[in-house]
Amino acid sequence: MTTSIKNYTNTFNIRGKEIKITAPARFDDSTQKVVPDMTLDNAAIKINIVKCLISLNLKRLKHYDKSGI
């Protein structure tokens, strides 16, 4: 499989606000579907966190422990 890196835009609805994130992602050249790439995925997550903090005017995200659920 051959792949390439292109910008990918994803839209999230967080606390009623629509937040668009554009970040590099790896695509399968034959299907044009996004394929996992840990480095690019982690970078996209960091971009998402920063944009959410700015958009929601927060200083940090709270950590929620789901072990009791």
N, C-alpha and C. Protein backbone atom coordinates (compact mmCIF):
# COMPACT_ATOMS: atom_id res chain seq x y z
N MET A 1 0.85 -1.18 0.00
CA MET A 1 0.00 0.00 0.00
C MET A 1 0.89 1.24 0.00
N THR A 2 0.58 2.15 -0.89
CA THR A 2 1.29 3.43 -0.89
C THR A 2 0.38 4.48 -0.26
N THR A 3 1.01 5.39 0.46
CA THR A 3 0.25 6.41 1.17
C THR A 3 0.84 7.78 0.89
N SER A 4 0.05 8.78 1.20
CA SER A 4 0.52 10.16 1.10
C SER A 4 -0.08 10.95 2.25
N ILE A 5 0.49 12.10 2.50
CA ILE A 5 0.03 12.96 3.59
C ILE A 5 -0.65 14.18 2.98
N LYS A 6 -1.88 14.42 3.45
CA LYS A 6 -2.66 15.57 3.00
C LYS A 6 -3.35 16.19 4.22
N ASN A 7 -3.77 17.41 4.07
CA ASN A 7 -4.55 18.04 5.14
C ASN A 7 -5.94 17.42 5.19
N TYR A 8 -6.43 17.25 6.40
CA TYR A 8 -7.73 16.63 6.64
C TYR A 8 -8.48 17.50 7.63
N THR A 9 -9.71 17.87 7.30
CA THR A 9 -10.52 18.70 8.18
C THR A 9 -11.61 17.86 8.83
N ASN A 10 -11.71 18.00 10.13
CA ASN A 10 -12.71 17.29 10.91
C ASN A 10 -13.47 18.33 11.73
N THR A 11 -14.76 18.13 11.93
CA THR A 11 -15.58 19.06 12.69
C THR A 11 -16.07 18.38 13.95
N PHE A 12 -15.92 19.06 15.07
CA PHE A 12 -16.36 18.56 16.36
C PHE A 12 -17.38 19.53 16.94
N ASN A 13 -18.35 19.00 17.66
CA ASN A 13 -19.31 19.82 18.37
C ASN A 13 -19.01 19.66 19.85
N ILE A 14 -18.44 20.71 20.45
CA ILE A 14 -18.04 20.66 21.85
C ILE A 14 -18.75 21.78 22.60
N ARG A 15 -19.54 21.37 23.58
CA ARG A 15 -20.32 22.32 24.38
C ARG A 15 -21.15 23.26 23.51
N GLY A 16 -21.71 22.70 22.45
CA GLY A 16 -22.57 23.48 21.57
C GLY A 16 -21.84 24.34 20.56
N LYS A 17 -20.52 24.30 20.56
CA LYS A 17 -19.75 25.07 19.60
C LYS A 17 -19.16 24.12 18.56
N GLU A 18 -19.28 24.52 17.30
CA GLU A 18 -18.70 23.73 16.22
C GLU A 18 -17.25 24.17 16.03
N ILE A 19 -16.34 23.22 16.18
CA ILE A 19 -14.92 23.53 16.07
C ILE A 19 -14.34 22.70 14.93
N LYS A 20 -13.75 23.39 13.94
CA LYS A 20 -13.13 22.70 12.80
C LYS A 20 -11.63 22.63 13.03
N ILE A 21 -11.10 21.44 12.82
CA ILE A 21 -9.67 21.21 12.98
C ILE A 21 -9.12 20.71 11.65
N THR A 22 -8.09 21.35 11.15
CA THR A 22 -7.40 20.88 9.95
C THR A 22 -5.99 20.53 10.35
N ALA A 23 -5.61 19.29 10.04
CA ALA A 23 -4.29 18.79 10.40
C ALA A 23 -3.84 17.78 9.35
N PRO A 24 -2.55 17.56 9.23
CA PRO A 24 -2.08 16.54 8.29
C PRO A 24 -2.54 15.15 8.72
N ALA A 25 -2.89 14.34 7.73
CA ALA A 25 -3.29 12.95 7.97
C ALA A 25 -2.73 12.09 6.83
N ARG A 26 -2.57 10.80 7.12
CA ARG A 26 -2.06 9.88 6.10
C ARG A 26 -3.24 9.23 5.37
N PHE A 27 -3.17 9.21 4.05
CA PHE A 27 -4.22 8.64 3.20
C PHE A 27 -3.67 7.49 2.38
N ASP A 28 -4.50 6.47 2.19
CA ASP A 28 -4.19 5.37 1.26
C ASP A 28 -4.38 5.93 -0.14
N ASP A 29 -3.37 5.84 -0.98
CA ASP A 29 -3.44 6.42 -2.32
C ASP A 29 -4.50 5.76 -3.20
N SER A 30 -4.76 4.49 -3.00
CA SER A 30 -5.72 3.81 -3.87
C SER A 30 -7.17 4.06 -3.45
N THR A 31 -7.45 4.18 -2.15
CA THR A 31 -8.83 4.37 -1.68
C THR A 31 -9.13 5.80 -1.24
N GLN A 32 -8.09 6.58 -1.01
CA GLN A 32 -8.22 7.96 -0.49
C GLN A 32 -8.86 8.00 0.90
N LYS A 33 -8.79 6.88 1.63
CA LYS A 33 -9.29 6.85 3.00
C LYS A 33 -8.14 7.13 3.97
N VAL A 34 -8.49 7.74 5.10
CA VAL A 34 -7.49 8.02 6.14
C VAL A 34 -7.03 6.69 6.74
N VAL A 35 -5.72 6.55 6.90
CA VAL A 35 -5.15 5.37 7.55
C VAL A 35 -4.42 5.81 8.82
N PRO A 36 -4.35 4.95 9.82
CA PRO A 36 -3.71 5.33 11.09
C PRO A 36 -2.23 5.69 10.92
N ASP A 37 -1.83 6.74 11.59
CA ASP A 37 -0.43 7.15 11.67
C ASP A 37 -0.27 7.81 13.04
N MET A 38 0.32 7.11 13.98
CA MET A 38 0.36 7.56 15.36
C MET A 38 0.97 8.95 15.50
N THR A 39 2.02 9.24 14.78
CA THR A 39 2.67 10.55 14.90
C THR A 39 1.74 11.66 14.43
N LEU A 40 1.13 11.47 13.26
CA LEU A 40 0.21 12.50 12.74
C LEU A 40 -1.04 12.60 13.59
N ASP A 41 -1.57 11.46 14.04
CA ASP A 41 -2.77 11.46 14.88
C ASP A 41 -2.52 12.18 16.20
N ASN A 42 -1.37 11.96 16.82
CA ASN A 42 -1.03 12.64 18.07
C ASN A 42 -0.90 14.14 17.87
N ALA A 43 -0.30 14.54 16.74
CA ALA A 43 -0.17 15.96 16.44
C ALA A 43 -1.55 16.60 16.26
N ALA A 44 -2.46 15.88 15.60
CA ALA A 44 -3.82 16.40 15.39
C ALA A 44 -4.55 16.55 16.73
N ILE A 45 -4.34 15.63 17.63
CA ILE A 45 -4.96 15.71 18.96
C ILE A 45 -4.46 16.95 19.70
N LYS A 46 -3.17 17.22 19.62
CA LYS A 46 -2.62 18.40 20.28
C LYS A 46 -3.21 19.68 19.70
N ILE A 47 -3.35 19.73 18.38
CA ILE A 47 -3.95 20.90 17.72
C ILE A 47 -5.39 21.06 18.21
N ASN A 48 -6.11 19.95 18.30
CA ASN A 48 -7.50 19.97 18.74
C ASN A 48 -7.62 20.50 20.16
N ILE A 49 -6.79 20.03 21.05
CA ILE A 49 -6.84 20.47 22.45
C ILE A 49 -6.60 21.97 22.54
N VAL A 50 -5.58 22.46 21.86
CA VAL A 50 -5.26 23.89 21.91
C VAL A 50 -6.41 24.71 21.34
N LYS A 51 -6.96 24.30 20.21
CA LYS A 51 -8.04 25.06 19.60
C LYS A 51 -9.28 25.05 20.48
N CYS A 52 -9.57 23.92 21.13
CA CYS A 52 -10.71 23.85 22.04
C CYS A 52 -10.52 24.77 23.23
N LEU A 53 -9.33 24.77 23.80
CA LEU A 53 -9.06 25.64 24.94
C LEU A 53 -9.27 27.10 24.58
N ILE A 54 -8.77 27.49 23.41
CA ILE A 54 -8.91 28.88 22.97
C ILE A 54 -10.37 29.20 22.68
N SER A 55 -11.04 28.31 21.95
CA SER A 55 -12.42 28.55 21.56
C SER A 55 -13.35 28.63 22.76
N LEU A 56 -13.12 27.79 23.75
CA LEU A 56 -13.98 27.76 24.93
C LEU A 56 -13.48 28.66 26.05
N ASN A 57 -12.38 29.39 25.79
CA ASN A 57 -11.79 30.31 26.76
C ASN A 57 -11.46 29.60 28.08
N LEU A 58 -10.81 28.45 27.97
CA LEU A 58 -10.40 27.68 29.14
C LEU A 58 -8.88 27.74 29.29
N LYS A 59 -8.40 27.52 30.52
CA LYS A 59 -6.97 27.50 30.75
C LYS A 59 -6.41 26.09 30.62
N ARG A 60 -7.24 25.09 30.94
CA ARG A 60 -6.81 23.70 30.81
C ARG A 60 -8.04 22.81 30.74
N LEU A 61 -7.86 21.60 30.24
CA LEU A 61 -8.95 20.64 30.23
C LEU A 61 -8.91 19.83 31.51
N LYS A 62 -10.08 19.54 32.07
CA LYS A 62 -10.14 18.71 33.26
C LYS A 62 -10.00 17.25 32.87
N HIS A 63 -9.37 16.48 33.72
CA HIS A 63 -9.27 15.04 33.50
C HIS A 63 -10.42 14.36 34.22
N TYR A 64 -11.15 13.56 33.50
CA TYR A 64 -12.26 12.83 34.09
C TYR A 64 -11.90 11.37 34.20
N ASP A 65 -11.96 10.82 35.40
CA ASP A 65 -11.67 9.41 35.63
C ASP A 65 -12.93 8.60 35.35
N LYS A 66 -12.87 7.75 34.34
CA LYS A 66 -14.03 6.96 33.95
C LYS A 66 -14.00 5.57 34.55
N SER A 67 -13.09 5.31 35.46
CA SER A 67 -12.98 3.97 36.03
C SER A 67 -14.20 3.59 36.86
N GLY A 68 -14.91 4.56 37.39
CA GLY A 68 -16.08 4.27 38.21
C GLY A 68 -17.37 4.15 37.42
N ILE A 69 -17.28 4.30 36.12
CA ILE A 69 -18.49 4.25 35.28
C ILE A 69 -18.80 2.82 34.90
